[in-house]
Protein backbone atom coordinates (compact mmCIF):
# COMPACT_ATOMS: atom_id res chain seq x y z
CA MET A 1 2.15 31.93 16.10
CA ILE A 2 4.43 33.74 13.73
CA SER A 3 4.61 30.71 11.43
CA ASP A 4 0.86 31.14 10.82
CA GLN A 5 1.65 34.46 9.13
CA ILE A 6 4.47 33.32 6.82
CA ARG A 7 3.33 32.94 3.22
CA ILE A 8 5.20 30.90 0.62
CA SER A 9 4.64 31.32 -3.11
CA LEU A 10 5.83 28.57 -5.47
CA LEU A 11 3.62 29.09 -8.54
CA GLY A 12 6.37 31.04 -10.22
CA PRO A 13 9.60 32.35 -8.68
CA LEU A 14 10.03 31.28 -5.05
CA GLU A 15 8.85 34.03 -2.69
CA ILE A 16 8.65 34.11 1.10
CA THR A 17 6.36 36.82 2.48
CA PRO A 18 7.25 37.59 6.11
CA PRO A 19 4.66 38.42 8.78
CA LEU A 20 3.04 41.83 8.78
CA GLY A 21 4.33 44.19 11.41
CA ARG A 22 7.81 42.71 11.63
CA PRO A 23 10.55 45.19 12.56
CA ALA A 24 11.74 47.31 9.64
CA GLU A 25 15.34 46.42 10.41
CA ASP A 26 14.70 42.70 9.87
CA PRO A 27 16.56 41.52 6.75
CA PRO A 28 14.53 40.11 3.84
CA PHE A 29 14.13 36.35 3.69
CA GLN A 30 16.24 35.37 0.71
CA VAL A 31 17.43 31.89 -0.19
CA THR A 32 20.01 32.05 -2.97
CA ALA A 33 21.80 28.69 -2.70
CA VAL A 34 20.42 26.18 -5.22
CA LYS A 35 20.13 23.20 -2.87
CA LEU A 36 18.63 25.29 -0.06
CA ARG A 37 15.89 26.49 -2.40
CA GLN A 38 15.21 22.90 -3.37
CA VAL A 39 14.96 21.79 0.27
CA LEU A 40 12.66 24.70 1.13
CA ALA A 41 10.41 23.92 -1.85
CA MET A 42 10.17 20.28 -0.79
CA LEU A 43 9.22 21.30 2.75
CA ALA A 44 6.71 23.92 1.55
CA VAL A 45 4.81 21.62 -0.84
CA ASN A 46 4.53 19.20 2.10
CA ALA A 47 3.66 21.89 4.65
CA ASN A 48 2.68 20.51 8.07
CA THR A 49 3.66 17.03 6.90
CA MET A 50 6.99 15.41 7.69
CA VAL A 51 9.43 15.06 4.81
CA SER A 52 11.79 12.17 5.43
CA THR A 53 15.53 12.50 5.06
CA GLU A 54 15.37 9.82 2.36
CA GLN A 55 12.83 11.88 0.37
CA LEU A 56 15.13 14.88 0.50
CA ILE A 57 18.10 12.79 -0.58
CA ASP A 58 16.18 11.31 -3.52
CA GLU A 59 15.10 14.79 -4.62
CA LEU A 60 18.48 16.50 -4.27
CA TRP A 61 20.68 13.69 -5.65
CA PRO A 62 18.57 11.55 -8.02
CA TYR A 63 21.68 10.04 -9.63
CA GLY A 64 23.35 9.00 -6.41
CA PRO A 65 24.13 10.90 -3.19
CA PRO A 66 27.56 11.88 -1.89
CA ARG A 67 29.15 9.77 0.83
CA THR A 68 28.34 12.21 3.67
CA VAL A 69 24.81 12.86 2.44
CA LYS A 70 22.99 12.86 5.80
CA THR A 71 25.43 15.36 7.25
CA ILE A 72 24.95 17.56 4.20
CA VAL A 73 21.15 17.44 4.58
CA GLN A 74 21.49 18.37 8.26
CA THR A 75 23.68 21.31 7.22
CA TYR A 76 21.08 22.54 4.72
CA VAL A 77 18.34 22.36 7.37
CA TYR A 78 20.57 24.20 9.83
CA GLN A 79 21.19 26.95 7.27
CA LEU A 80 17.46 27.32 6.63
CA ARG A 81 16.83 27.56 10.36
CA LYS A 82 19.43 30.32 10.60
CA LEU A 83 17.63 32.22 7.84
CA PHE A 84 14.28 31.86 9.62
CA ARG A 85 15.82 32.87 12.93
CA ARG A 86 17.61 35.87 11.42
CA THR A 87 14.53 37.08 9.57
CA PHE A 88 11.87 36.30 12.15
CA HIS A 89 13.73 36.81 15.39
CA GLY A 90 12.20 37.51 18.79
CA PRO A 91 10.98 35.59 21.86
CA GLN A 92 7.44 35.26 20.48
CA ARG A 93 8.61 33.82 17.18
CA PRO A 94 9.04 30.03 17.44
CA GLN A 95 11.09 28.21 14.82
CA PRO A 96 8.77 26.98 12.01
CA LEU A 97 11.24 24.35 10.80
CA THR A 98 11.36 21.42 13.22
CA THR A 99 13.14 18.07 13.33
CA ARG A 100 11.06 14.91 13.58
CA PRO A 101 12.22 11.30 13.91
CA GLY A 102 13.48 10.45 10.45
CA GLY A 103 12.87 13.83 8.84
CA TYR A 104 11.78 17.46 9.02
CA LEU A 105 8.53 19.45 9.12
CA LEU A 106 7.76 23.03 8.09
CA ALA A 107 5.01 24.19 10.45
CA VAL A 108 3.21 26.58 8.13
CA PRO A 109 -0.55 26.35 7.46
CA ARG A 110 -1.27 24.89 4.03
CA ASP A 111 -3.53 27.84 3.24
CA ASN A 112 -0.38 29.97 3.43
CA VAL A 113 1.24 28.07 0.54
CA ASP A 114 -0.12 29.12 -2.86
CA VAL A 115 -0.01 25.57 -4.27
CA PHE A 116 -2.63 24.41 -1.75
CA THR A 117 -4.74 27.57 -2.13
CA PHE A 118 -4.79 27.02 -5.91
CA GLN A 119 -5.93 23.42 -5.50
CA ARG A 120 -8.63 24.37 -3.00
CA LEU A 121 -10.05 27.08 -5.29
CA LEU A 122 -9.93 24.69 -8.26
CA GLU A 123 -11.97 22.11 -6.35
CA GLN A 124 -14.45 24.76 -5.23
CA GLY A 125 -14.84 25.99 -8.81
CA ARG A 126 -15.40 22.48 -10.14
CA SER A 127 -17.98 21.83 -7.42
CA SER A 128 -19.82 25.11 -8.10
CA LEU A 129 -19.96 24.30 -11.81
CA ASP A 130 -21.33 20.82 -11.09
CA GLN A 131 -23.99 22.41 -8.87
CA GLY A 132 -25.18 24.74 -11.64
CA GLU A 133 -23.57 27.93 -10.30
CA PRO A 134 -21.39 29.07 -13.23
CA ALA A 135 -21.01 32.68 -12.03
CA VAL A 136 -19.64 31.51 -8.67
CA ALA A 137 -17.47 28.91 -10.40
CA ALA A 138 -15.96 31.48 -12.77
CA GLU A 139 -15.02 33.73 -9.85
CA GLN A 140 -13.41 30.88 -7.92
CA LEU A 141 -11.51 29.60 -10.95
CA ARG A 142 -10.26 33.08 -11.84
CA ALA A 143 -9.00 33.46 -8.28
CA SER A 144 -7.13 30.16 -8.59
CA LEU A 145 -5.49 31.17 -11.86
CA GLU A 146 -4.49 34.59 -10.54
CA LEU A 147 -2.10 32.81 -8.15
CA TRP A 148 0.03 31.64 -11.09
CA ARG A 149 3.11 33.74 -11.81
CA GLY A 150 4.84 31.07 -13.90
CA PRO A 151 5.61 27.34 -13.90
CA LEU A 152 6.39 25.59 -10.61
CA PRO A 153 8.92 26.24 -9.36
CA ALA A 154 10.34 28.65 -11.93
CA ASP A 155 13.73 29.25 -10.32
CA ILE A 156 14.37 25.98 -8.49
CA VAL A 157 16.26 22.94 -9.73
CA HIS A 158 13.87 20.00 -10.20
CA GLY A 159 14.54 16.55 -8.83
CA PRO A 160 12.08 13.72 -9.53
CA PHE A 161 9.48 14.80 -6.96
CA LEU A 162 9.39 18.49 -7.87
CA GLN A 163 9.49 17.67 -11.58
CA GLY A 164 6.51 15.35 -11.22
CA LEU A 165 4.67 17.94 -9.15
CA SER A 166 5.39 20.60 -11.76
CA VAL A 167 3.89 18.46 -14.53
CA PHE A 168 0.86 17.61 -12.36
CA LEU A 169 0.19 21.22 -11.43
CA GLU A 170 0.52 22.39 -15.03
CA GLU A 171 -2.18 19.86 -15.95
CA GLN A 172 -4.31 21.22 -13.11
CA ARG A 173 -3.75 24.77 -14.37
CA LEU A 174 -5.00 23.79 -17.84
CA GLU A 175 -7.99 22.10 -16.22
CA ALA A 176 -8.73 25.31 -14.28
CA VAL A 177 -8.56 27.30 -17.54
CA SER A 178 -10.88 24.82 -19.28
CA LEU A 179 -13.39 24.86 -16.42
CA ARG A 180 -13.31 28.66 -16.20
CA ILE A 181 -14.03 28.87 -19.93
CA GLU A 182 -16.89 26.38 -19.50
CA ALA A 183 -18.28 28.60 -16.73
CA ASP A 184 -17.93 31.72 -18.90
CA LEU A 185 -19.76 29.98 -21.75
CA ALA A 186 -22.57 29.16 -19.36
CA ASN A 187 -22.62 32.87 -18.47
CA ASN A 188 -23.06 33.77 -22.18
CA ARG A 189 -19.59 35.30 -22.57
CA HIS A 190 -18.96 33.43 -25.83
CA ARG A 191 -17.93 36.46 -27.90
CA GLU A 192 -15.34 37.49 -25.34
CA LEU A 193 -13.82 33.99 -25.34
CA VAL A 194 -13.10 33.54 -29.04
CA GLY A 195 -9.72 35.29 -29.06
CA GLU A 196 -8.49 33.57 -25.91
CA LEU A 197 -9.59 30.17 -27.19
CA ARG A 198 -7.87 30.65 -30.54
CA ALA A 199 -4.64 31.37 -28.67
CA LEU A 200 -5.12 28.30 -26.46
CA VAL A 201 -5.80 26.06 -29.46
CA ALA A 202 -2.64 27.33 -31.15
CA THR A 203 -0.55 26.72 -28.02
CA HIS A 204 -2.15 23.43 -26.94
CA HIS A 205 -3.16 21.96 -30.27
CA LEU A 206 -3.68 18.44 -28.82
CA HIS A 207 -5.89 19.68 -25.97
CA GLU A 208 -9.29 18.68 -27.35
CA SER A 209 -11.26 20.58 -24.73
CA PHE A 210 -10.06 23.94 -26.04
CA HIS A 211 -11.09 23.02 -29.60
CA VAL A 212 -14.54 21.99 -28.36
CA ARG A 213 -15.02 25.21 -26.38
CA LEU A 214 -13.89 27.25 -29.39
CA MET A 215 -16.45 25.47 -31.56
CA GLN A 216 -19.14 26.35 -29.03
CA ALA A 217 -18.03 29.98 -28.67
CA LEU A 218 -17.92 30.51 -32.43
CA HIS A 219 -21.27 28.82 -33.04
CA ARG A 220 -22.99 30.85 -30.33
CA SER A 221 -21.44 33.99 -31.83
CA GLY A 222 -23.10 33.23 -35.18
CA ARG A 223 -19.89 32.01 -36.83
CA ARG A 224 -21.07 28.54 -37.83
CA SER A 225 -18.66 27.90 -40.70
CA GLU A 226 -15.67 28.83 -38.54
CA ALA A 227 -16.90 26.47 -35.82
CA LEU A 228 -17.08 23.64 -38.36
CA ASN A 229 -13.57 24.45 -39.57
CA VAL A 230 -12.28 24.10 -36.01
CA TYR A 231 -13.74 20.59 -35.86
CA HIS A 232 -12.08 19.61 -39.14
CA GLN A 233 -8.78 21.02 -37.87
CA LEU A 234 -9.13 19.03 -34.64
CA ARG A 235 -9.93 15.84 -36.54
CA ARG A 236 -6.90 16.28 -38.82
CA VAL A 237 -4.49 17.00 -35.95
CA LEU A 238 -5.67 14.03 -33.88
CA ASP A 239 -5.44 11.72 -36.88
CA GLU A 240 -2.00 12.87 -38.05
CA GLU A 241 -0.32 13.09 -34.63
CA LEU A 242 -2.09 10.47 -32.53
CA GLY A 243 -4.03 8.28 -34.94
CA LEU A 244 -7.25 9.05 -33.04
CA GLU A 245 -10.74 10.26 -33.79
CA PRO A 246 -12.39 13.17 -31.94
CA SER A 247 -14.15 12.28 -28.71
CA PRO A 248 -17.90 11.57 -28.49
CA GLU A 249 -18.40 15.07 -27.00
CA ALA A 250 -16.62 16.75 -29.93
CA ARG A 251 -18.60 14.67 -32.44
CA ARG A 252 -21.88 15.47 -30.66
CA ILE A 253 -21.23 19.21 -30.71
CA HIS A 254 -20.13 18.99 -34.36
CA GLN A 255 -23.44 17.28 -35.18
CA GLU A 256 -25.40 19.93 -33.27
CA ILE A 257 -23.70 22.64 -35.30
CA LEU A 258 -24.38 20.79 -38.57
CA VAL A 259 -28.11 20.47 -37.94
CA SER A 260 -28.55 23.98 -36.58
CA SER A 261 -30.13 26.56 -38.83
């Protein structure tokens, strides 16, 4: 099926990659209208799962829908179907956007949507790390992070669902970075990580994991005093901004550095 070949990228600007081998005269698939992009994003991040009309309404008009809202939603879906039909025409190209009782479904494999590919690679990397395979984990986590071209979705208006998903995926991205760094440390790449970790600590100064990994990278690079300074900086920031103490892991690593020769 032609829908099996459509690829949708949301980790950054919205991109629709048409099937290989389509006629050269086919126009590019471009969605410029703000609400249409929002509808397409909602359908894509729920690929192969029905999105109800009510979910679309809540996303597009969080502060109250217009009086003819269901007709407007039907119009948006019709316009998207026209774009699919115009771009992927032909007798062997079934319509990927279908109507279901109470909603709509975009029949595209989830592996063809970068959000799901990212999450799958993140889970594989976490599992490989847990199983003591840091080299495999680092490769999987790098592959997951290479899918990111910017925040999700960079050029689409956010309603409550897409805004929540954007926040969730950004947290997952930071987790993927942290796990990849953990894997690289296990692969003895500590010297290569110092610069990256300093940048991450400066950007995410309340993200304790990056401070801890920087302490480890510096200590393993023979820079014990700098590693201790990172701990003191972390302790000060947590105390001043959150009224908290460093975690047991941070305190344990700090103690290990203190007693090391």
